Amino acid sequence: MAARDAANVLEQDFPETRCKILEIAAVLDRIDRAPARQGEPPDPRLAQLRQGLEALLEPGPGRAETIQRIFSLAYEPEWMARFGLADPAARQNPRP
């Protein structure tokens, strides 16, 4: 499959992209209109949304990866134990 040029990408993807941007704007409007809970610290998810929006404004390729990293959890070496899962190496070589 041949790569599309920028004009073709824009022609095909503009309506859906415009819709997504409007949807994000509507969610942010609802957040701004909603009353804040007394005494609660700012929600870190809102900071992630703002970081993601700032990343969208950066020129060049790589925005999707940057935004994925913003919303990803940091790697935890002990994640399997945390979820009660066995080590895959132990499953392959069970002890007698």
N, C-alpha and C. Protein backbone atom coordinates (compact mmCIF):
# COMPACT_ATOMS: atom_id res chain seq x y z
N MET A 1 0.85 -1.17 0.00
CA MET A 1 0.00 0.00 0.00
C MET A 1 0.90 1.24 0.00
N ALA A 2 0.67 2.12 -0.93
CA ALA A 2 1.48 3.34 -1.05
C ALA A 2 1.09 4.34 0.04
N ALA A 3 2.08 5.07 0.51
CA ALA A 3 1.82 6.10 1.51
C ALA A 3 1.03 7.25 0.87
N ARG A 4 0.09 7.78 1.63
CA ARG A 4 -0.68 8.92 1.16
C ARG A 4 0.12 10.20 1.37
N ASP A 5 -0.10 11.18 0.51
CA ASP A 5 0.57 12.46 0.76
C ASP A 5 -0.26 13.25 1.77
N ALA A 6 0.32 14.34 2.27
CA ALA A 6 -0.31 15.12 3.34
C ALA A 6 -1.69 15.62 2.96
N ALA A 7 -1.85 16.04 1.71
CA ALA A 7 -3.16 16.55 1.27
C ALA A 7 -4.21 15.44 1.31
N ASN A 8 -3.84 14.22 0.92
CA ASN A 8 -4.78 13.11 0.97
C ASN A 8 -5.15 12.73 2.40
N VAL A 9 -4.15 12.72 3.27
CA VAL A 9 -4.41 12.42 4.68
C VAL A 9 -5.39 13.44 5.25
N LEU A 10 -5.12 14.70 5.00
CA LEU A 10 -5.98 15.77 5.51
C LEU A 10 -7.38 15.66 4.92
N GLU A 11 -7.47 15.40 3.64
CA GLU A 11 -8.78 15.26 2.99
C GLU A 11 -9.60 14.15 3.63
N GLN A 12 -8.97 13.03 3.88
CA GLN A 12 -9.70 11.88 4.40
C GLN A 12 -9.95 11.97 5.91
N ASP A 13 -9.01 12.50 6.66
CA ASP A 13 -9.09 12.45 8.12
C ASP A 13 -9.61 13.73 8.78
N PHE A 14 -9.77 14.80 8.03
CA PHE A 14 -10.16 16.08 8.62
C PHE A 14 -11.49 16.01 9.37
N PRO A 15 -12.57 15.48 8.77
CA PRO A 15 -13.85 15.50 9.50
C PRO A 15 -13.80 14.76 10.84
N GLU A 16 -13.20 13.58 10.86
CA GLU A 16 -13.12 12.81 12.10
C GLU A 16 -12.23 13.51 13.12
N THR A 17 -11.13 14.09 12.67
CA THR A 17 -10.21 14.78 13.57
C THR A 17 -10.89 16.02 14.16
N ARG A 18 -11.58 16.76 13.33
CA ARG A 18 -12.32 17.93 13.81
C ARG A 18 -13.32 17.52 14.88
N CYS A 19 -14.02 16.41 14.65
CA CYS A 19 -15.00 15.91 15.61
C CYS A 19 -14.34 15.57 16.94
N LYS A 20 -13.19 14.93 16.89
CA LYS A 20 -12.48 14.55 18.11
C LYS A 20 -12.04 15.78 18.90
N ILE A 21 -11.56 16.80 18.20
CA ILE A 21 -11.14 18.03 18.88
C ILE A 21 -12.33 18.71 19.54
N LEU A 22 -13.47 18.74 18.85
CA LEU A 22 -14.68 19.32 19.45
C LEU A 22 -15.13 18.53 20.67
N GLU A 23 -15.00 17.22 20.60
CA GLU A 23 -15.37 16.37 21.73
C GLU A 23 -14.48 16.66 22.93
N ILE A 24 -13.18 16.81 22.71
CA ILE A 24 -12.25 17.15 23.79
C ILE A 24 -12.60 18.51 24.38
N ALA A 25 -12.89 19.47 23.53
CA ALA A 25 -13.26 20.81 24.01
C ALA A 25 -14.52 20.74 24.87
N ALA A 26 -15.48 19.93 24.48
CA ALA A 26 -16.72 19.80 25.25
C ALA A 26 -16.45 19.19 26.63
N VAL A 27 -15.59 18.18 26.69
CA VAL A 27 -15.26 17.57 27.98
C VAL A 27 -14.56 18.59 28.87
N LEU A 28 -13.60 19.32 28.32
CA LEU A 28 -12.90 20.33 29.12
C LEU A 28 -13.85 21.42 29.59
N ASP A 29 -14.80 21.82 28.76
CA ASP A 29 -15.83 22.79 29.17
C ASP A 29 -16.65 22.25 30.35
N ARG A 30 -17.04 20.97 30.28
CA ARG A 30 -17.82 20.37 31.37
C ARG A 30 -17.00 20.34 32.65
N ILE A 31 -15.72 20.02 32.55
CA ILE A 31 -14.86 20.01 33.74
C ILE A 31 -14.78 21.41 34.33
N ASP A 32 -14.58 22.42 33.48
CA ASP A 32 -14.46 23.80 33.97
C ASP A 32 -15.75 24.32 34.59
N ARG A 33 -16.89 23.85 34.08
CA ARG A 33 -18.18 24.32 34.61
C ARG A 33 -18.57 23.59 35.89
N ALA A 34 -18.05 22.41 36.12
CA ALA A 34 -18.43 21.61 37.28
C ALA A 34 -17.82 22.20 38.55
N PRO A 35 -18.58 22.16 39.64
CA PRO A 35 -18.03 22.69 40.89
C PRO A 35 -16.89 21.80 41.40
N ALA A 36 -15.89 22.44 41.96
CA ALA A 36 -14.76 21.70 42.53
C ALA A 36 -15.15 21.20 43.91
N ARG A 37 -14.60 20.07 44.30
CA ARG A 37 -14.85 19.54 45.64
C ARG A 37 -13.97 20.30 46.62
N GLN A 38 -14.57 20.69 47.73
CA GLN A 38 -13.85 21.47 48.74
C GLN A 38 -12.70 20.66 49.33
N GLY A 39 -11.53 21.28 49.39
CA GLY A 39 -10.39 20.71 50.07
C GLY A 39 -9.65 19.62 49.31
N GLU A 40 -10.11 19.27 48.12
CA GLU A 40 -9.41 18.23 47.36
C GLU A 40 -8.29 18.84 46.53
N PRO A 41 -7.14 18.16 46.49
CA PRO A 41 -6.05 18.66 45.63
C PRO A 41 -6.43 18.50 44.16
N PRO A 42 -5.75 19.22 43.28
CA PRO A 42 -6.05 19.09 41.85
C PRO A 42 -5.86 17.64 41.39
N ASP A 43 -6.72 17.20 40.51
CA ASP A 43 -6.65 15.83 39.99
C ASP A 43 -5.49 15.71 39.01
N PRO A 44 -4.56 14.76 39.22
CA PRO A 44 -3.41 14.63 38.33
C PRO A 44 -3.80 14.26 36.89
N ARG A 45 -4.98 13.70 36.70
CA ARG A 45 -5.42 13.36 35.35
C ARG A 45 -5.63 14.61 34.50
N LEU A 46 -6.07 15.69 35.14
CA LEU A 46 -6.25 16.94 34.41
C LEU A 46 -4.90 17.46 33.92
N ALA A 47 -3.87 17.31 34.75
CA ALA A 47 -2.52 17.70 34.34
C ALA A 47 -2.05 16.86 33.16
N GLN A 48 -2.39 15.56 33.18
CA GLN A 48 -2.03 14.69 32.05
C GLN A 48 -2.73 15.16 30.78
N LEU A 49 -4.00 15.51 30.88
CA LEU A 49 -4.72 16.00 29.71
C LEU A 49 -4.06 17.26 29.15
N ARG A 50 -3.69 18.16 30.03
CA ARG A 50 -3.03 19.40 29.58
C ARG A 50 -1.69 19.09 28.92
N GLN A 51 -0.92 18.17 29.51
CA GLN A 51 0.36 17.77 28.91
C GLN A 51 0.13 17.17 27.52
N GLY A 52 -0.88 16.33 27.40
CA GLY A 52 -1.19 15.72 26.12
C GLY A 52 -1.56 16.76 25.07
N LEU A 53 -2.34 17.75 25.47
CA LEU A 53 -2.72 18.81 24.54
C LEU A 53 -1.50 19.63 24.12
N GLU A 54 -0.61 19.90 25.07
CA GLU A 54 0.61 20.63 24.73
C GLU A 54 1.46 19.82 23.75
N ALA A 55 1.52 18.51 23.95
CA ALA A 55 2.30 17.66 23.05
C ALA A 55 1.72 17.68 21.63
N LEU A 56 0.41 17.83 21.52
CA LEU A 56 -0.21 17.90 20.19
C LEU A 56 0.27 19.12 19.41
N LEU A 57 0.63 20.16 20.11
CA LEU A 57 1.03 21.40 19.44
C LEU A 57 2.48 21.38 18.96
N GLU A 58 3.25 20.39 19.40
CA GLU A 58 4.64 20.29 18.97
C GLU A 58 4.71 19.83 17.52
N PRO A 59 5.49 20.49 16.69
CA PRO A 59 5.58 20.08 15.28
C PRO A 59 6.38 18.80 15.11
N GLY A 60 6.15 18.15 14.00
CA GLY A 60 6.92 16.97 13.64
C GLY A 60 6.26 15.67 14.07
N PRO A 61 6.82 14.56 13.59
CA PRO A 61 6.27 13.25 13.95
C PRO A 61 6.65 12.88 15.38
N GLY A 62 5.99 11.88 15.92
CA GLY A 62 6.32 11.41 17.26
C GLY A 62 5.34 11.83 18.33
N ARG A 63 4.32 12.58 17.95
CA ARG A 63 3.36 13.03 18.96
C ARG A 63 2.61 11.88 19.61
N ALA A 64 2.22 10.89 18.82
CA ALA A 64 1.47 9.76 19.38
C ALA A 64 2.28 9.04 20.44
N GLU A 65 3.55 8.82 20.18
CA GLU A 65 4.41 8.15 21.16
C GLU A 65 4.55 9.00 22.42
N THR A 66 4.76 10.30 22.24
CA THR A 66 4.89 11.20 23.39
C THR A 66 3.64 11.16 24.25
N ILE A 67 2.49 11.22 23.62
CA ILE A 67 1.23 11.23 24.36
C ILE A 67 0.99 9.88 25.01
N GLN A 68 1.34 8.79 24.34
CA GLN A 68 1.20 7.47 24.95
C GLN A 68 2.03 7.39 26.22
N ARG A 69 3.22 7.95 26.20
CA ARG A 69 4.08 7.93 27.39
C ARG A 69 3.50 8.78 28.51
N ILE A 70 2.87 9.89 28.17
CA ILE A 70 2.25 10.74 29.20
C ILE A 70 1.18 9.97 29.96
N PHE A 71 0.41 9.15 29.24
CA PHE A 71 -0.70 8.45 29.86
C PHE A 71 -0.34 7.03 30.33
N SER A 72 0.90 6.62 30.15
CA SER A 72 1.32 5.28 30.57
C SER A 72 1.83 5.30 32.00
N LEU A 73 1.66 4.17 32.65
CA LEU A 73 2.20 4.01 34.00
C LEU A 73 3.69 3.72 33.91
N ALA A 74 4.41 4.12 34.92
CA ALA A 74 5.84 3.79 34.99
C ALA A 74 5.98 2.28 35.20
N TYR A 75 7.03 1.71 34.64
CA TYR A 75 7.25 0.27 34.78
C TYR A 75 7.57 -0.08 36.22
N GLU A 76 6.90 -1.11 36.72
CA GLU A 76 7.15 -1.62 38.06
C GLU A 76 7.71 -3.03 37.92
N PRO A 77 8.96 -3.25 38.31
CA PRO A 77 9.55 -4.59 38.17
C PRO A 77 8.76 -5.67 38.90
N GLU A 78 8.08 -5.32 39.96
CA GLU A 78 7.34 -6.29 40.76
C GLU A 78 5.85 -6.34 40.41
N TRP A 79 5.50 -5.95 39.20
CA TRP A 79 4.08 -5.87 38.85
C TRP A 79 3.39 -7.22 38.90
N MET A 80 4.09 -8.28 38.53
CA MET A 80 3.45 -9.61 38.52
C MET A 80 3.09 -10.03 39.95
N ALA A 81 3.97 -9.79 40.90
CA ALA A 81 3.68 -10.13 42.28
C ALA A 81 2.51 -9.29 42.80
N ARG A 82 2.47 -8.05 42.39
CA ARG A 82 1.39 -7.16 42.82
C ARG A 82 0.03 -7.68 42.39
N PHE A 83 -0.04 -8.31 41.23
CA PHE A 83 -1.29 -8.84 40.71
C PHE A 83 -1.44 -10.35 40.96
N GLY A 84 -0.52 -10.91 41.74
CA GLY A 84 -0.61 -12.32 42.09
C GLY A 84 -0.34 -13.26 40.93
N LEU A 85 0.52 -12.84 39.99
CA LEU A 85 0.85 -13.66 38.84
C LEU A 85 2.21 -14.31 39.03
N ALA A 86 2.36 -15.50 38.48
CA ALA A 86 3.64 -16.21 38.57
C ALA A 86 4.61 -15.64 37.56
N ASP A 87 5.88 -15.74 37.87
CA ASP A 87 6.95 -15.34 36.96
C ASP A 87 6.92 -16.26 35.74
N PRO A 88 6.92 -15.72 34.50
CA PRO A 88 6.87 -16.58 33.32
C PRO A 88 8.04 -17.55 33.25
N ALA A 89 9.22 -17.17 33.74
CA ALA A 89 10.37 -18.06 33.73
C ALA A 89 10.11 -19.25 34.66
N ALA A 90 9.43 -19.01 35.77
CA ALA A 90 9.12 -20.09 36.70
C ALA A 90 8.12 -21.06 36.10
N ARG A 91 7.21 -20.57 35.27
CA ARG A 91 6.21 -21.45 34.64
C ARG A 91 6.86 -22.34 33.60
N GLN A 92 7.90 -21.83 32.92
CA GLN A 92 8.56 -22.62 31.89
C GLN A 92 9.47 -23.68 32.50
N ASN A 93 10.03 -23.41 33.64
CA ASN A 93 10.96 -24.34 34.29
C ASN A 93 10.47 -24.65 35.71
N PRO A 94 9.34 -25.36 35.83
CA PRO A 94 8.83 -25.62 37.19
C PRO A 94 9.80 -26.52 37.97
N ARG A 95 9.86 -26.25 39.26
CA ARG A 95 10.74 -27.04 40.12
C ARG A 95 10.07 -28.37 40.43
N PRO A 96 10.88 -29.46 40.52
CA PRO A 96 10.29 -30.76 40.83
C PRO A 96 9.88 -30.87 42.28
